[in-house]
Amino acid sequence: MIHTTTPSIEGKKITQYLGIVNADVIIGANIFSDIFASVRDIVGGRSATYEKKLSEGKAIALQELEDEAQRLGATAVVGVDFDYETVGGKGSMLMISVSGTAVRVE
């Protein structure tokens, strides 16, 4: 299935708009990841653990978005948008919301 942040797909004609689809995923890192990420914040550098969790969360959210679009009979999702928010105590969890418009293309 094609996913795009643009409102159209070059070379494809949208034949039907099926509605807005969305998916939400909340991911958290364990206490050890939090401790090591805090150390990274102090000494500088990237947190590979959090980056991996973020990538996993985005992949899950996109798969759930696709599943919802397929249930509507879509062949693509246009206007895909990701939003992020920290939730829980001390922002230890991350909510990833993704939405878009399910469409049929030819």
Protein backbone atom coordinates (compact mmCIF):
# COMPACT_ATOMS: atom_id res chain seq x y z
CA MET A 1 0.00 0.00 0.00
CA ILE A 2 1.23 3.48 -0.84
CA HIS A 3 1.53 5.98 2.03
CA THR A 4 2.38 9.58 1.29
CA THR A 5 2.43 12.88 3.13
CA THR A 6 1.27 14.64 -0.04
CA PRO A 7 -2.42 15.08 -0.97
CA SER A 8 -1.96 13.20 -4.26
CA ILE A 9 0.22 10.48 -5.78
CA GLU A 10 2.13 11.36 -8.91
CA GLY A 11 1.12 9.15 -11.80
CA LYS A 12 -1.95 7.83 -9.97
CA LYS A 13 -5.54 9.00 -10.12
CA ILE A 14 -7.56 9.07 -6.90
CA THR A 15 -10.91 7.52 -7.80
CA GLN A 16 -12.53 7.49 -4.37
CA TYR A 17 -12.02 9.09 -0.96
CA LEU A 18 -12.96 6.60 1.76
CA GLY A 19 -12.43 8.69 4.87
CA ILE A 20 -9.93 9.64 7.52
CA VAL A 21 -7.96 6.84 9.14
CA ASN A 22 -5.82 7.06 12.24
CA ALA A 23 -3.78 5.00 14.68
CA ASP A 24 -2.30 5.72 18.10
CA VAL A 25 0.57 3.88 19.74
CA ILE A 26 1.99 4.47 23.20
CA ILE A 27 5.49 3.19 23.78
CA GLY A 28 7.69 3.30 26.83
CA ALA A 29 11.26 2.51 27.61
CA ASN A 30 12.28 0.54 30.65
CA ILE A 31 13.96 2.12 33.68
CA PHE A 32 17.46 1.18 32.48
CA SER A 33 16.88 2.89 29.14
CA ASP A 34 15.67 5.97 31.03
CA ILE A 35 18.81 6.01 33.18
CA PHE A 36 21.14 5.67 30.21
CA ALA A 37 19.21 8.29 28.24
CA SER A 38 19.59 10.68 31.19
CA VAL A 39 23.35 10.09 31.13
CA ARG A 40 23.36 10.81 27.39
CA ASP A 41 21.50 14.07 28.06
CA ILE A 42 24.24 15.12 30.47
CA VAL A 43 27.29 14.07 28.44
CA GLY A 44 25.76 14.64 25.02
CA GLY A 45 25.16 12.29 22.13
CA ARG A 46 22.26 10.38 20.69
CA SER A 47 20.18 7.83 22.54
CA ALA A 48 20.18 4.73 20.35
CA THR A 49 17.70 3.05 22.70
CA TYR A 50 15.10 5.80 22.37
CA GLU A 51 15.70 6.12 18.64
CA LYS A 52 15.05 2.39 18.24
CA LYS A 53 11.86 2.62 20.33
CA LEU A 54 10.69 5.59 18.26
CA SER A 55 11.32 3.73 14.99
CA GLU A 56 9.43 0.70 16.31
CA GLY A 57 6.52 2.87 17.42
CA LYS A 58 6.30 4.63 14.04
CA ALA A 59 6.33 1.29 12.20
CA ILE A 60 3.55 -0.11 14.41
CA ALA A 61 1.43 3.03 14.00
CA LEU A 62 1.88 3.03 10.22
CA GLN A 63 0.94 -0.67 10.04
CA GLU A 64 -2.21 -0.03 12.10
CA LEU A 65 -3.07 2.91 9.82
CA GLU A 66 -2.67 0.67 6.79
CA ASP A 67 -4.80 -2.06 8.38
CA GLU A 68 -7.62 0.43 9.02
CA ALA A 69 -7.36 1.75 5.45
CA GLN A 70 -7.51 -1.78 4.04
CA ARG A 71 -10.66 -2.48 6.05
CA LEU A 72 -12.24 0.42 4.16
CA GLY A 73 -11.06 -0.98 0.82
CA ALA A 74 -8.32 1.58 0.27
CA THR A 75 -5.31 1.08 -1.95
CA ALA A 76 -3.40 4.09 -0.58
CA VAL A 77 -3.32 6.66 2.23
CA VAL A 78 -2.60 10.29 1.36
CA GLY A 79 -1.87 13.25 3.61
CA VAL A 80 -0.16 11.09 6.22
CA ASP A 81 0.81 13.06 9.32
CA PHE A 82 2.69 11.91 12.44
CA ASP A 83 2.28 13.64 15.79
CA TYR A 84 4.18 12.93 19.00
CA GLU A 85 3.37 13.61 22.65
CA THR A 86 4.93 12.51 25.92
CA VAL A 87 2.55 10.94 28.42
CA GLY A 88 2.83 9.49 31.90
CA GLY A 89 4.98 10.57 34.77
CA LYS A 90 8.11 12.47 33.81
CA GLY A 91 7.32 11.94 30.13
CA SER A 92 8.49 8.34 30.30
CA MET A 93 6.11 7.23 27.58
CA LEU A 94 5.68 8.49 24.06
CA MET A 95 2.40 8.58 22.16
CA ILE A 96 2.67 8.41 18.40
CA SER A 97 -0.46 9.39 16.47
CA VAL A 98 -0.66 9.00 12.72
CA SER A 99 -3.54 9.97 10.47
CA GLY A 100 -4.32 10.29 6.80
CA THR A 101 -7.03 9.92 4.18
CA ALA A 102 -7.81 6.45 2.84
CA VAL A 103 -8.29 6.47 -0.92
CA ARG A 104 -8.60 4.19 -3.90
CA VAL A 105 -6.21 4.88 -6.75
CA GLU A 106 -5.73 3.54 -10.25
